[in-house]
PDB file of N, CA and C in Angstrom:
ATOM      1  N   MET A   1      96.681 107.939 105.136  1.00  0.00           N
ATOM      2  CA  MET A   1      96.076 107.924 103.814  1.00  0.00           C
ATOM      3  C   MET A   1      96.510 109.174 103.060  1.00  0.00           C
ATOM      4  N   VAL A   2      96.810 109.009 101.814  1.00  0.00           N
ATOM      5  CA  VAL A   2      97.229 110.107 100.955  1.00  0.00           C
ATOM      6  C   VAL A   2      96.018 110.978 100.619  1.00  0.00           C
ATOM      7  N   LYS A   3      96.198 112.286 100.691  1.00  0.00           N
ATOM      8  CA  LYS A   3      95.146 113.213 100.293  1.00  0.00           C
ATOM      9  C   LYS A   3      95.239 113.450  98.797  1.00  0.00           C
ATOM     10  N   TYR A   4      94.189 114.042  98.251  1.00  0.00           N
ATOM     11  CA  TYR A   4      94.146 114.281  96.806  1.00  0.00           C
ATOM     12  C   TYR A   4      95.369 115.049  96.325  1.00  0.00           C
ATOM     13  N   ARG A   5      95.708 116.146  96.985  1.00  0.00           N
ATOM     14  CA  ARG A   5      96.847 116.982  96.559  1.00  0.00           C
ATOM     15  C   ARG A   5      98.159 116.205  96.626  1.00  0.00           C
ATOM     16  N   ASP A   6      98.317 115.375  97.662  1.00  0.00           N
ATOM     17  CA  ASP A   6      99.537 114.580  97.794  1.00  0.00           C
ATOM     18  C   ASP A   6      99.625 113.542  96.681  1.00  0.00           C
ATOM     19  N   GLY A   7      98.502 112.910  96.376  1.00  0.00           N
ATOM     20  CA  GLY A   7      98.476 111.939  95.286  1.00  0.00           C
ATOM     21  C   GLY A   7      98.798 112.597  93.965  1.00  0.00           C
ATOM     22  N   GLU A   8      98.235 113.770  93.763  1.00  0.00           N
ATOM     23  CA  GLU A   8      98.495 114.520  92.538  1.00  0.00           C
ATOM     24  C   GLU A   8      99.978 114.893  92.438  1.00  0.00           C
ATOM     25  N   LYS A   9     100.572 115.297  93.554  1.00  0.00           N
ATOM     26  CA  LYS A   9     102.006 115.642  93.577  1.00  0.00           C
ATOM     27  C   LYS A   9     102.868 114.435  93.215  1.00  0.00           C
ATOM     28  N   MET A  10     102.514 113.277  93.781  1.00  0.00           N
ATOM     29  CA  MET A  10     103.287 112.064  93.501  1.00  0.00           C
ATOM     30  C   MET A  10     103.161 111.664  92.039  1.00  0.00           C
ATOM     31  N   LEU A  11     101.955 111.714  91.501  1.00  0.00           N
ATOM     32  CA  LEU A  11     101.760 111.348  90.103  1.00  0.00           C
ATOM     33  C   LEU A  11     102.487 112.313  89.176  1.00  0.00           C
ATOM     34  N   ASN A  12     102.461 113.600  89.501  1.00  0.00           N
ATOM     35  CA  ASN A  12     103.201 114.577  88.700  1.00  0.00           C
ATOM     36  C   ASN A  12     104.708 114.326  88.777  1.00  0.00           C
ATOM     37  N   ALA A  13     105.198 114.004  89.974  1.00  0.00           N
ATOM     38  CA  ALA A  13     106.629 113.735  90.143  1.00  0.00           C
ATOM     39  C   ALA A  13     107.059 112.524  89.325  1.00  0.00           C
ATOM     40  N   LEU A  14     106.178 111.534  89.232  1.00  0.00           N
ATOM     41  CA  LEU A  14     106.501 110.314  88.491  1.00  0.00           C
ATOM     42  C   LEU A  14     106.143 110.416  87.015  1.00  0.00           C
ATOM     43  N   GLY A  15     105.690 111.583  86.588  1.00  0.00           N
ATOM     44  CA  GLY A  15     105.266 111.779  85.204  1.00  0.00           C
ATOM     45  C   GLY A  15     106.394 111.709  84.187  1.00  0.00           C
ATOM     46  N   LEU A  16     107.594 112.038  84.598  1.00  0.00           N
ATOM     47  CA  LEU A  16     108.734 111.978  83.676  1.00  0.00           C
ATOM     48  C   LEU A  16     109.448 110.634  83.794  1.00  0.00           C
ATOM     49  N   PRO A  17     109.753 110.003  82.668  1.00  0.00           N
ATOM     50  CA  PRO A  17     110.486 108.731  82.706  1.00  0.00           C
ATOM     51  C   PRO A  17     111.827 108.851  83.447  1.00  0.00           C
ATOM     52  N   LEU A  18     112.480 109.993  83.339  1.00  0.00           N
ATOM     53  CA  LEU A  18     113.753 110.206  84.026  1.00  0.00           C
ATOM     54  C   LEU A  18     113.583 110.071  85.533  1.00  0.00           C
ATOM     55  N   ARG A  19     112.559 110.712  86.081  1.00  0.00           N
ATOM     56  CA  ARG A  19     112.358 110.647  87.532  1.00  0.00           C
ATOM     57  C   ARG A  19     111.936 109.249  87.966  1.00  0.00           C
ATOM     58  N   ARG A  20     111.119 108.574  87.152  1.00  0.00           N
ATOM     59  CA  ARG A  20     110.764 107.177  87.481  1.00  0.00           C
ATOM     60  C   ARG A  20     112.023 106.314  87.514  1.00  0.00           C
ATOM     61  N   SER A  21     112.922 106.565  86.575  1.00  0.00           N
ATOM     62  CA  SER A  21     114.166 105.808  86.527  1.00  0.00           C
ATOM     63  C   SER A  21     115.055 106.113  87.744  1.00  0.00           C
ATOM     64  N   MET A  22     115.070 107.361  88.165  1.00  0.00           N
ATOM     65  CA  MET A  22     115.849 107.732  89.356  1.00  0.00           C
ATOM     66  C   MET A  22     115.302 107.009  90.588  1.00  0.00           C
ATOM     67  N   VAL A  23     113.975 106.963  90.716  1.00  0.00           N
ATOM     68  CA  VAL A  23     113.351 106.269  91.853  1.00  0.00           C
ATOM     69  C   VAL A  23     113.667 104.778  91.787  1.00  0.00           C
ATOM     70  N   ARG A  24     113.562 104.203  90.599  1.00  0.00           N
ATOM     71  CA  ARG A  24     113.866 102.776  90.426  1.00  0.00           C
ATOM     72  C   ARG A  24     115.318 102.485  90.825  1.00  0.00           C
ATOM     73  N   ARG A  25     116.213 103.350  90.421  1.00  0.00           N
ATOM     74  CA  ARG A  25     117.638 103.178  90.751  1.00  0.00           C
ATOM     75  C   ARG A  25     117.867 103.224  92.261  1.00  0.00           C
ATOM     76  N   LEU A  26     117.224 104.166  92.934  1.00  0.00           N
ATOM     77  CA  LEU A  26     117.356 104.246  94.396  1.00  0.00           C
ATOM     78  C   LEU A  26     116.733 103.031  95.069  1.00  0.00           C
ATOM     79  N   ARG A  27     115.608 102.581  94.537  1.00  0.00           N
ATOM     80  CA  ARG A  27     114.925 101.415  95.121  1.00  0.00           C
ATOM     81  C   ARG A  27     115.788 100.163  95.005  1.00  0.00           C
ATOM     82  N   LEU A  28     116.413  99.991  93.853  1.00  0.00           N
ATOM     83  CA  LEU A  28     117.204  98.771  93.617  1.00  0.00           C
ATOM     84  C   LEU A  28     118.588  98.809  94.248  1.00  0.00           C
ATOM     85  N   LEU A  29     119.239  99.984  94.198  1.00  0.00           N
ATOM     86  CA  LEU A  29     120.629 100.072  94.653  1.00  0.00           C
ATOM     87  C   LEU A  29     120.799 100.668  96.039  1.00  0.00           C
ATOM     88  N   GLY A  30     119.730 101.215  96.594  1.00  0.00           N
ATOM     89  CA  GLY A  30     119.817 101.799  97.924  1.00  0.00           C
ATOM     90  C   GLY A  30     120.297 103.245  97.888  1.00  0.00           C
ATOM     91  N   ALA A  31     120.519 103.783  99.068  1.00  0.00           N
ATOM     92  CA  ALA A  31     120.915 105.190  99.214  1.00  0.00           C
ATOM     93  C   ALA A  31     122.216 105.465  98.459  1.00  0.00           C
ATOM     94  N   MET A  32     122.274 106.656  97.867  1.00  0.00           N
ATOM     95  CA  MET A  32     123.487 107.052  97.143  1.00  0.00           C
ATOM     96  C   MET A  32     123.554 108.566  97.061  1.00  0.00           C
ATOM     97  N   SER A  33     124.733 109.043  96.731  1.00  0.00           N
ATOM     98  CA  SER A  33     124.912 110.482  96.588  1.00  0.00           C
ATOM     99  C   SER A  33     124.169 110.980  95.355  1.00  0.00           C
ATOM    100  N   LEU A  34     123.871 112.254  95.348  1.00  0.00           N
ATOM    101  CA  LEU A  34     123.186 112.840  94.206  1.00  0.00           C
ATOM    102  C   LEU A  34     124.037 112.728  92.947  1.00  0.00           C
ATOM    103  N   SER A  35     125.330 112.912  93.075  1.00  0.00           N
ATOM    104  CA  SER A  35     126.193 112.812  91.881  1.00  0.00           C
ATOM    105  C   SER A  35     126.201 111.394  91.327  1.00  0.00           C
ATOM    106  N   LYS A  36     126.204 110.387  92.200  1.00  0.00           N
ATOM    107  CA  LYS A  36     126.151 109.000  91.729  1.00  0.00           C
ATOM    108  C   LYS A  36     124.788 108.697  91.098  1.00  0.00           C
ATOM    109  N   LEU A  37     123.733 109.241  91.688  1.00  0.00           N
ATOM    110  CA  LEU A  37     122.395 109.045  91.151  1.00  0.00           C
ATOM    111  C   LEU A  37     122.273 109.658  89.751  1.00  0.00           C
ATOM    112  N   ALA A  38     122.905 110.805  89.537  1.00  0.00           N
ATOM    113  CA  ALA A  38     122.789 111.540  88.271  1.00  0.00           C
ATOM    114  C   ALA A  38     123.692 110.995  87.170  1.00  0.00           C
ATOM    115  N   THR A  39     124.733 110.248  87.516  1.00  0.00           N
ATOM    116  CA  THR A  39     125.751 109.822  86.548  1.00  0.00           C
ATOM    117  C   THR A  39     125.198 109.120  85.307  1.00  0.00           C
ATOM    118  N   PRO A  40     124.346 108.101  85.425  1.00  0.00           N
ATOM    119  CA  PRO A  40     123.900 107.407  84.209  1.00  0.00           C
ATOM    120  C   PRO A  40     123.061 108.273  83.268  1.00  0.00           C
ATOM    121  N   TYR A  41     122.529 109.357  83.790  1.00  0.00           N
ATOM    122  CA  TYR A  41     121.645 110.201  82.989  1.00  0.00           C
ATOM    123  C   TYR A  41     122.378 111.381  82.359  1.00  0.00           C
ATOM    124  N   LYS A  42     123.662 111.503  82.674  1.00  0.00           N
ATOM    125  CA  LYS A  42     124.483 112.597  82.161  1.00  0.00           C
ATOM    126  C   LYS A  42     123.851 113.957  82.468  1.00  0.00           C
ATOM    127  N   LEU A  43     123.347 114.078  83.692  1.00  0.00           N
ATOM    128  CA  LEU A  43     122.753 115.330  84.152  1.00  0.00           C
ATOM    129  C   LEU A  43     123.792 116.162  84.878  1.00  0.00           C
ATOM    130  N   THR A  44     123.675 117.465  84.774  1.00  0.00           N
ATOM    131  CA  THR A  44     124.491 118.328  85.616  1.00  0.00           C
ATOM    132  C   THR A  44     123.936 118.226  87.032  1.00  0.00           C
ATOM    133  N   LEU A  45     124.733 118.569  88.032  1.00  0.00           N
ATOM    134  CA  LEU A  45     124.242 118.495  89.402  1.00  0.00           C
ATOM    135  C   LEU A  45     123.053 119.437  89.638  1.00  0.00           C
ATOM    136  N   PRO A  46     123.065 120.680  89.089  1.00  0.00           N
ATOM    137  CA  PRO A  46     121.874 121.517  89.283  1.00  0.00           C
ATOM    138  C   PRO A  46     120.608 120.899  88.668  1.00  0.00           C
ATOM    139  N   ALA A  47     120.720 120.274  87.509  1.00  0.00           N
ATOM    140  CA  ALA A  47     119.552 119.633  86.875  1.00  0.00           C
ATOM    141  C   ALA A  47     119.093 118.435  87.709  1.00  0.00           C
ATOM    142  N   ALA A  48     120.045 117.642  88.192  1.00  0.00           N
ATOM    143  CA  ALA A  48     119.699 116.485  89.030  1.00  0.00           C
ATOM    144  C   ALA A  48     119.036 116.952  90.324  1.00  0.00           C
ATOM    145  N   LEU A  49     119.540 118.045  90.903  1.00  0.00           N
ATOM    146  CA  LEU A  49     118.974 118.577  92.134  1.00  0.00           C
ATOM    147  C   LEU A  49     117.544 119.061  91.902  1.00  0.00           C
ATOM    148  N   LYS A  50     117.278 119.634  90.754  1.00  0.00           N
ATOM    149  CA  LYS A  50     115.919 120.083  90.416  1.00  0.00           C
ATOM    150  C   LYS A  50     114.955 118.889  90.426  1.00  0.00           C
ATOM    151  N   HIS A  51     115.352 117.792  89.791  1.00  0.00           N
ATOM    152  CA  HIS A  51     114.498 116.598  89.761  1.00  0.00           C
ATOM    153  C   HIS A  51     114.369 115.988  91.162  1.00  0.00           C
ATOM    154  N   LEU A  52     115.459 115.993  91.910  1.00  0.00           N
ATOM    155  CA  LEU A  52     115.426 115.467  93.274  1.00  0.00           C
ATOM    156  C   LEU A  52     114.458 116.265  94.132  1.00  0.00           C
ATOM    157  N   ARG A  53     114.468 117.574  94.014  1.00  0.00           N
ATOM    158  CA  ARG A  53     113.569 118.428  94.803  1.00  0.00           C
ATOM    159  C   ARG A  53     112.096 118.099  94.517  1.00  0.00           C
ATOM    160  N   ILE A  54     111.788 117.830  93.255  1.00  0.00           N
ATOM    161  CA  ILE A  54     110.413 117.471  92.891  1.00  0.00           C
ATOM    162  C   ILE A  54     110.041 116.141  93.533  1.00  0.00           C
ATOM    163  N   LEU A  55     110.948 115.161  93.477  1.00  0.00           N
ATOM    164  CA  LEU A  55     110.685 113.861  94.097  1.00  0.00           C
ATOM    165  C   LEU A  55     110.581 113.996  95.618  1.00  0.00           C
ATOM    166  N   GLU A  56     111.405 114.871  96.190  1.00  0.00           N
ATOM    167  CA  GLU A  56     111.356 115.096  97.637  1.00  0.00           C
ATOM    168  C   GLU A  56     110.052 115.769  98.060  1.00  0.00           C
ATOM    169  N   SER A  57     109.615 116.751  97.302  1.00  0.00           N
ATOM    170  CA  SER A  57     108.389 117.464  97.678  1.00  0.00           C
ATOM    171  C   SER A  57     107.170 116.549  97.620  1.00  0.00           C
ATOM    172  N   SER A  58     107.247 115.486  96.817  1.00  0.00           N
ATOM    173  CA  SER A  58     106.144 114.533  96.749  1.00  0.00           C
ATOM    174  C   SER A  58     106.254 113.466  97.841  1.00  0.00           C
ATOM    175  N   GLY A  59     107.408 113.376  98.496  1.00  0.00           N
ATOM    176  CA  GLY A  59     107.605 112.396  99.565  1.00  0.00           C
ATOM    177  C   GLY A  59     108.159 111.062  99.106  1.00  0.00           C
ATOM    178  N   ILE A  60     108.382 110.889  97.815  1.00  0.00           N
ATOM    179  CA  ILE A  60     108.851 109.613  97.282  1.00  0.00           C
ATOM    180  C   ILE A  60     110.322 109.372  97.611  1.00  0.00           C
ATOM    181  N   VAL A  61     111.080 110.448  97.661  1.00  0.00           N
ATOM    182  CA  VAL A  61     112.508 110.371  97.956  1.00  0.00           C
ATOM    183  C   VAL A  61     112.812 111.346  99.087  1.00  0.00           C
ATOM    184  N   LYS A  62     113.765 110.979  99.910  1.00  0.00           N
ATOM    185  CA  LYS A  62     114.254 111.871 100.967  1.00  0.00           C
ATOM    186  C   LYS A  62     115.745 112.066 100.740  1.00  0.00           C
ATOM    187  N   SER A  63     116.275 113.185 101.217  1.00  0.00           N
ATOM    188  CA  SER A  63     117.718 113.385 101.123  1.00  0.00           C
ATOM    189  C   SER A  63     118.200 114.137 102.350  1.00  0.00           C
ATOM    190  N   HIS A  64     119.473 114.001 102.609  1.00  0.00           N
ATOM    191  CA  HIS A  64     120.101 114.736 103.700  1.00  0.00           C
ATOM    192  C   HIS A  64     121.554 115.000 103.327  1.00  0.00           C
ATOM    193  N   LYS A  65     122.112 116.012 103.946  1.00  0.00           N
ATOM    194  CA  LYS A  65     123.510 116.351 103.689  1.00  0.00           C
ATOM    195  C   LYS A  65     124.390 115.582 104.665  1.00  0.00           C
ATOM    196  N   HIS A  66     125.442 115.006 104.141  1.00  0.00           N
ATOM    197  CA  HIS A  66     126.464 114.339 104.946  1.00  0.00           C
ATOM    198  C   HIS A  66     127.774 115.016 104.570  1.00  0.00           C
ATOM    199  N   GLY A  67     128.133 116.037 105.326  1.00  0.00           N
ATOM    200  CA  GLY A  67     129.276 116.865 104.933  1.00  0.00           C
ATOM    201  C   GLY A  67     128.900 117.676 103.703  1.00  0.00           C
ATOM    202  N   ARG A  68     129.660 117.513 102.633  1.00  0.00           N
ATOM    203  CA  ARG A  68     129.366 118.224 101.387  1.00  0.00           C
ATOM    204  C   ARG A  68     128.555 117.385 100.405  1.00  0.00           C
ATOM    205  N   VAL A  69     128.235 116.168 100.800  1.00  0.00           N
ATOM    206  CA  VAL A  69     127.555 115.228  99.906  1.00  0.00           C
ATOM    207  C   VAL A  69     126.072 115.152 100.256  1.00  0.00           C
ATOM    208  N   ARG A  70     125.216 115.245  99.249  1.00  0.00           N
ATOM    209  CA  ARG A  70     123.776 115.061  99.443  1.00  0.00           C
ATOM    210  C   ARG A  70     123.448 113.602  99.170  1.00  0.00           C
ATOM    211  N   VAL A  71     122.943 112.910 100.184  1.00  0.00           N
ATOM    212  CA  VAL A  71     122.607 111.492 100.088  1.00  0.00           C
ATOM    213  C   VAL A  71     121.098 111.360  99.840  1.00  0.00           C
ATOM    214  N   CYS A  72     120.746 110.586  98.826  1.00  0.00           N
ATOM    215  CA  CYS A  72     119.348 110.383  98.425  1.00  0.00           C
ATOM    216  C   CYS A  72     118.886 109.000  98.869  1.00  0.00           C
ATOM    217  N   VAL A  73     117.650 108.925  99.371  1.00  0.00           N
ATOM    218  CA  VAL A  73     117.096 107.675  99.895  1.00  0.00           C
ATOM    219  C   VAL A  73     115.661 107.517  99.386  1.00  0.00           C
ATOM    220  N   TYR A  74     115.338 106.335  98.905  1.00  0.00           N
ATOM    221  CA  TYR A  74     113.978 105.996  98.465  1.00  0.00           C
ATOM    222  C   TYR A  74     113.088 105.815  99.682  1.00  0.00           C
ATOM    223  N   ASN A  75     111.862 106.327  99.633  1.00  0.00           N
ATOM    224  CA  ASN A  75     110.890 106.194 100.717  1.00  0.00           C
ATOM    225  C   ASN A  75     109.771 105.250 100.264  1.00  0.00           C
ATOM    226  N   PRO A  76     109.862 103.956 100.568  1.00  0.00           N
ATOM    227  CA  PRO A  76     108.879 102.986 100.059  1.00  0.00           C
ATOM    228  C   PRO A  76     107.461 103.217 100.571  1.00  0.00           C
ATOM    229  N   SER A  77     107.316 103.803 101.745  1.00  0.00           N
ATOM    230  CA  SER A  77     105.967 103.991 102.280  1.00  0.00           C
ATOM    231  C   SER A  77     105.153 104.970 101.438  1.00  0.00           C
ATOM    232  N   ALA A  78     105.812 105.906 100.746  1.00  0.00           N
ATOM    233  CA  ALA A  78     105.091 106.882  99.920  1.00  0.00           C
ATOM    234  C   ALA A  78     104.330 106.189  98.793  1.00  0.00           C
ATOM    235  N   LEU A  79     104.973 105.260  98.116  1.00  0.00           N
ATOM    236  CA  LEU A  79     104.297 104.581  97.003  1.00  0.00           C
ATOM    237  C   LEU A  79     103.242 103.601  97.497  1.00  0.00           C
ATOM    238  N   LYS A  80     103.437 103.047  98.693  1.00  0.00           N
ATOM    239  CA  LYS A  80     102.397 102.185  99.267  1.00  0.00           C
ATOM    240  C   LYS A  80     101.154 103.019  99.567  1.00  0.00           C
ATOM    241  N   GLU A  81     101.360 104.218 100.116  1.00  0.00           N
ATOM    242  CA  GLU A  81     100.236 105.111 100.392  1.00  0.00           C
ATOM    243  C   GLU A  81      99.556 105.539  99.094  1.00  0.00           C
ATOM    244  N   LEU A  82     100.352 105.812  98.069  1.00  0.00           N
ATOM    245  CA  LEU A  82      99.793 106.192  96.772  1.00  0.00           C
ATOM    246  C   LEU A  82      98.942 105.049  96.218  1.00  0.00           C
ATOM    247  N   GLY A  83      99.418 103.817  96.359  1.00  0.00           N
ATOM    248  CA  GLY A  83      98.655 102.652  95.897  1.00  0.00           C
ATOM    249  C   GLY A  83      97.312 102.552  96.601  1.00  0.00           C
ATOM    250  N   GLY A  84      97.301 102.793  97.903  1.00  0.00           N
ATOM    251  CA  GLY A  84      96.053 102.778  98.659  1.00  0.00           C
ATOM    252  C   GLY A  84      95.111 103.880  98.217  1.00  0.00           C
ATOM    253  N   TRP A  85      95.662 105.061  97.971  1.00  0.00           N
ATOM    254  CA  TRP A  85      94.846 106.181  97.505  1.00  0.00           C
ATOM    255  C   TRP A  85      94.250 105.877  96.134  1.00  0.00           C
ATOM    256  N   LEU A  86      95.045 105.309  95.233  1.00  0.00           N
ATOM    257  CA  LEU A  86      94.547 104.963  93.904  1.00  0.00           C
ATOM    258  C   LEU A  86      93.443 103.914  93.991  1.00  0.00           C
ATOM    259  N   ALA A  87      93.595 102.951  94.895  1.00  0.00           N
ATOM    260  CA  ALA A  87      92.557 101.927  95.077  1.00  0.00           C
ATOM    261  C   ALA A  87      91.260 102.562  95.569  1.00  0.00           C
ATOM    262  N   SER A  88      91.373 103.526  96.483  1.00  0.00           N
ATOM    263  CA  SER A  88      90.156 104.189  96.974  1.00  0.00           C
ATOM    264  C   SER A  88      89.506 105.019  95.870  1.00  0.00           C
ATOM    265  N   GLN A  89      90.310 105.651  95.036  1.00  0.00           N
ATOM    266  CA  GLN A  89      89.770 106.415  93.912  1.00  0.00           C
ATOM    267  C   GLN A  89      89.077 105.490  92.919  1.00  0.00           C
ATOM    268  N   SER A  90      89.665 104.340  92.686  1.00  0.00           N
ATOM    269  CA  SER A  90      89.072 103.363  91.783  1.00  0.00           C
ATOM    270  C   SER A  90      87.714 102.898  92.309  1.00  0.00           C
ATOM    271  N   ALA A  91      87.647 102.624  93.594  1.00  0.00           N
ATOM    272  CA  ALA A  91      86.378 102.179  94.192  1.00  0.00           C
ATOM    273  C   ALA A  91      85.328 103.284  94.084  1.00  0.00           C
ATOM    274  N   PHE A  92      85.727 104.520  94.344  1.00  0.00           N
ATOM    275  CA  PHE A  92      84.797 105.645  94.238  1.00  0.00           C
ATOM    276  C   PHE A  92      84.234 105.756  92.828  1.00  0.00           C
ATOM    277  N   TRP A  93      85.120 105.712  91.824  1.00  0.00           N
ATOM    278  CA  TRP A  93      84.658 105.873  90.443  1.00  0.00           C
ATOM    279  C   TRP A  93      83.846 104.673  89.968  1.00  0.00           C
ATOM    280  N   ASP A  94      84.225 103.481  90.394  1.00  0.00           N
ATOM    281  CA  ASP A  94      83.434 102.299  90.031  1.00  0.00           C
ATOM    282  C   ASP A  94      82.007 102.423  90.549  1.00  0.00           C
ATOM    283  N   SER A  95      81.860 102.819  91.813  1.00  0.00           N
ATOM    284  CA  SER A  95      80.506 102.938  92.377  1.00  0.00           C
ATOM    285  C   SER A  95      79.748 104.096  91.722  1.00  0.00           C
ATOM    286  N   SER A  96      80.448 105.167  91.386  1.00  0.00           N
ATOM    287  CA  SER A  96      79.790 106.296  90.706  1.00  0.00           C
ATOM    288  C   SER A  96      79.258 105.880  89.341  1.00  0.00           C
ATOM    289  N   PHE A  97      80.059 105.148  88.592  1.00  0.00           N
ATOM    290  CA  PHE A  97      79.626 104.702  87.271  1.00  0.00           C
ATOM    291  C   PHE A  97      78.503 103.669  87.371  1.00  0.00           C
ATOM    292  N   ASP A  98      78.550 102.833  88.399  1.00  0.00           N
ATOM    293  CA  ASP A  98      77.462 101.863  88.607  1.00  0.00           C
ATOM    294  C   ASP A  98      76.140 102.588  88.884  1.00  0.00           C
ATOM    295  N   ARG A  99      76.183 103.636  89.724  1.00  0.00           N
ATOM    296  CA  ARG A  99      74.971 104.411  90.011  1.00  0.00           C
ATOM    297  C   ARG A  99      74.472 105.105  88.744  1.00  0.00           C
ATOM    298  N   LEU A 100      75.403 105.659  87.966  1.00  0.00           N
ATOM    299  CA  LEU A 100      75.017 106.332  86.731  1.00  0.00           C
ATOM    300  C   LEU A 100      74.376 105.353  85.761  1.00  0.00           C
ATOM    301  N   GLU A 101      74.936 104.173  85.650  1.00  0.00           N
ATOM    302  CA  GLU A 101      74.374 103.151  84.767  1.00  0.00           C
ATOM    303  C   GLU A 101      72.967 102.764  85.229  1.00  0.00           C
ATOM    304  N   GLY A 102      72.788 102.654  86.551  1.00  0.00           N
ATOM    305  CA  GLY A 102      71.462 102.332  87.083  1.00  0.00           C
ATOM    306  C   GLY A 102      70.449 103.413  86.763  1.00  0.00           C
ATOM    307  N   LEU A 103      70.835 104.658  86.917  1.00  0.00           N
ATOM    308  CA  LEU A 103      69.939 105.778  86.598  1.00  0.00           C
ATOM    309  C   LEU A 103      69.588 105.822  85.107  1.00  0.00           C
ATOM    310  N   MET A 104      70.581 105.558  84.272  1.00  0.00           N
ATOM    311  CA  MET A 104      70.337 105.586  82.833  1.00  0.00           C
ATOM    312  C   MET A 104      69.425 104.448  82.385  1.00  0.00           C
ATOM    313  N   SER A 105      69.600 103.277  83.002  1.00  0.00           N
ATOM    314  CA  SER A 105      68.738 102.148  82.623  1.00  0.00           C
ATOM    315  C   SER A 105      67.296 102.380  83.081  1.00  0.00           C
ATOM    316  N   LYS A 106      67.102 103.060  84.242  1.00  0.00           N
ATOM    317  CA  LYS A 106      65.755 103.405  84.697  1.00  0.00           C
ATOM    318  C   LYS A 106      65.107 104.402  83.762  1.00  0.00           C
ATOM    319  N   LYS A 107      65.902 105.352  83.294  1.00  0.00           N
ATOM    320  CA  LYS A 107      65.363 106.390  82.415  1.00  0.00           C
ATOM    321  C   LYS A 107      64.958 105.813  81.060  1.00  0.00           C
ATOM    322  N   LYS A 108      65.686 104.808  80.559  1.00  0.00           N
ATOM    323  CA  LYS A 108      65.346 104.163  79.287  1.00  0.00           C
ATOM    324  C   LYS A 108      64.031 103.415  79.360  1.00  0.00           C
ATOM    325  N   LYS A 109      63.716 102.882  80.543  1.00  0.00           N
ATOM    326  CA  LYS A 109      62.494 102.082  80.713  1.00  0.00           C
ATOM    327  C   LYS A 109      61.346 103.028  80.776  1.00  0.00           C
TER     328      LYS A 109
END
């Protein structure tokens, strides 16, 4: 299960449309080099590496060096865990608001 800080990291990593697009590209096309991943966005390699590091620190993407090439891989289990965490947060807030509504209706009476 994703912890609060991990969920927050993932949501922050996915906050930029560019990074969401990078994840989508890896998900659809599979593993690829960082330079190939960066090509459609016209990013320099240092800029692409900065975004990759953010995605890696959140666990959404993994990478490894193969010789001089950095290969990027989508990690599908990270987003599944995030989905579960969001569902648990939704249930928590729904029950909290239900209790608050009950208390407020008692107070009105």
